[in-house]
Amino acid sequence: MSQIETSNAIADSISTQYASIMDSLIEACNRLEETNAALVAERDIANGERDRAIVERDAARQGVIGDVDFRSYCECCSKMWHREYVTWFQRPFQNRVGASCNSACGVCFEQVPIDQEPL
């Protein structure tokens, strides 16, 4: 075999190896693009769920969901809370500052005398 033939054989071998490597690289890039597209779709779904949860949270903080008001007033701290977080009592009691109260939230509940019975 002449030197030109040998050089051509080596070049052909290197070209074939190079083409094989490039095919593998293209396949890997395609798999990465597909994986990225799937992750983007999952992220978009998660962001949508997060946004809906934020809207629900903000509505719950305001205590109004649709036409229903879920708030109740804590007379101890003078704040509005979710109605399941506030307890109303049959008899008034005095809070720490001496005000007469009939309701207490979870935070203020320690100010309620033990003998009080809820409504």
Protein backbone atom coordinates (compact mmCIF):
# COMPACT_ATOMS: atom_id res chain seq x y z
CA MET A 1 0.00 0.00 0.00
CA SER A 2 1.27 3.38 -0.88
CA GLN A 3 1.59 6.25 1.50
CA ILE A 4 -1.41 8.04 -0.10
CA GLU A 5 -3.57 4.95 0.21
CA THR A 6 -2.54 4.56 3.85
CA SER A 7 -3.28 8.23 4.54
CA ASN A 8 -6.68 7.90 2.87
CA ALA A 9 -7.48 4.75 4.88
CA ILE A 10 -6.52 6.51 8.11
CA ALA A 11 -8.58 9.58 7.14
CA ASP A 12 -11.56 7.37 6.29
CA SER A 13 -11.23 5.58 9.63
CA ILE A 14 -11.00 8.88 11.53
CA SER A 15 -13.96 10.31 9.58
CA THR A 16 -16.06 7.24 10.39
CA GLN A 17 -15.14 7.49 14.10
CA TYR A 18 -15.84 11.22 14.08
CA ALA A 19 -19.24 10.69 12.40
CA SER A 20 -20.12 8.01 14.96
CA ILE A 21 -19.17 10.30 17.84
CA MET A 22 -21.18 13.16 16.34
CA ASP A 23 -24.22 10.87 15.90
CA SER A 24 -23.95 9.90 19.59
CA LEU A 25 -23.62 13.55 20.55
CA ILE A 26 -26.68 14.52 18.48
CA GLU A 27 -28.71 11.71 20.10
CA ALA A 28 -27.61 12.86 23.57
CA CYS A 29 -28.59 16.46 22.76
CA ASN A 30 -31.99 15.30 21.51
CA ARG A 31 -32.55 13.34 24.75
CA LEU A 32 -31.56 16.41 26.77
CA GLU A 33 -33.97 18.60 24.79
CA GLU A 34 -36.80 16.11 25.41
CA THR A 35 -35.93 15.93 29.11
CA ASN A 36 -35.77 19.71 29.30
CA ALA A 37 -39.16 20.04 27.60
CA ALA A 38 -40.67 17.58 30.11
CA LEU A 39 -39.12 19.49 33.03
CA VAL A 40 -40.40 22.80 31.68
CA ALA A 41 -43.90 21.32 31.40
CA GLU A 42 -43.70 20.04 35.01
CA ARG A 43 -42.43 23.44 36.16
CA ASP A 44 -45.31 25.20 34.42
CA ILE A 45 -47.82 22.87 36.09
CA ALA A 46 -46.18 23.42 39.49
CA ASN A 47 -46.17 27.20 38.96
CA GLY A 48 -49.86 27.10 38.07
CA GLU A 49 -50.63 25.12 41.23
CA ARG A 50 -48.52 27.56 43.26
CA ASP A 51 -50.37 30.53 41.79
CA ARG A 52 -53.76 28.95 42.59
CA ALA A 53 -52.56 28.23 46.15
CA ILE A 54 -51.45 31.85 46.55
CA VAL A 55 -54.88 33.07 45.46
CA GLU A 56 -56.58 30.66 47.89
CA ARG A 57 -54.19 31.67 50.69
CA ASP A 58 -54.83 35.35 50.12
CA ALA A 59 -58.58 34.75 50.09
CA ALA A 60 -58.29 32.75 53.31
CA ARG A 61 -56.26 35.55 54.91
CA GLN A 62 -59.04 37.94 54.03
CA GLY A 63 -61.47 35.37 55.40
CA VAL A 64 -63.75 35.50 52.40
CA ILE A 65 -64.00 32.74 49.85
CA GLY A 66 -66.63 33.44 47.24
CA ASP A 67 -69.66 34.84 49.07
CA VAL A 68 -68.84 33.15 52.40
CA ASP A 69 -67.08 35.08 55.18
CA PHE A 70 -65.03 32.68 57.29
CA ARG A 71 -63.70 35.31 59.68
CA SER A 72 -64.45 35.73 63.35
CA TYR A 73 -63.37 38.47 65.75
CA CYS A 74 -61.06 37.80 68.70
CA GLU A 75 -62.00 40.27 71.42
CA CYS A 76 -58.72 39.65 73.29
CA CYS A 77 -56.37 40.86 70.56
CA SER A 78 -58.93 42.75 68.42
CA LYS A 79 -58.00 40.84 65.25
CA MET A 80 -59.97 38.89 62.68
CA TRP A 81 -59.12 35.19 62.37
CA HIS A 82 -60.56 32.17 60.61
CA ARG A 83 -63.75 31.27 62.42
CA GLU A 84 -62.41 27.83 63.38
CA TYR A 85 -59.48 29.54 65.13
CA VAL A 86 -61.70 31.67 67.42
CA THR A 87 -63.73 30.31 70.33
CA TRP A 88 -66.71 32.14 71.82
CA PHE A 89 -67.61 31.73 75.49
CA GLN A 90 -70.88 31.84 77.44
CA ARG A 91 -69.60 34.20 80.13
CA PRO A 92 -67.29 37.17 79.66
CA PHE A 93 -63.76 37.03 81.04
CA GLN A 94 -61.04 39.61 81.45
CA ASN A 95 -57.97 39.58 79.24
CA ARG A 96 -54.49 40.73 80.33
CA VAL A 97 -55.30 44.42 79.89
CA GLY A 98 -58.56 44.12 81.84
CA ALA A 99 -61.00 44.27 78.93
CA SER A 100 -64.11 42.13 79.09
CA CYS A 101 -64.04 39.51 76.32
CA ASN A 102 -66.34 36.78 75.06
CA SER A 103 -64.02 35.37 72.39
CA ALA A 104 -60.39 34.29 72.09
CA CYS A 105 -58.23 33.09 69.22
CA GLY A 106 -55.64 30.34 69.53
CA VAL A 107 -52.93 32.88 70.41
CA CYS A 108 -55.02 34.48 73.17
CA PHE A 109 -56.52 31.25 74.47
CA GLU A 110 -54.12 31.13 77.42
CA GLN A 111 -55.87 34.24 78.81
CA VAL A 112 -59.16 32.35 79.14
CA PRO A 113 -59.90 31.07 82.67
CA ILE A 114 -59.99 27.29 82.98
CA ASP A 115 -63.61 27.23 84.16
CA GLN A 116 -64.95 28.93 81.00
CA GLU A 117 -67.20 26.88 78.79
CA PRO A 118 -67.35 27.56 75.06
CA LEU A 119 -70.65 28.20 73.31
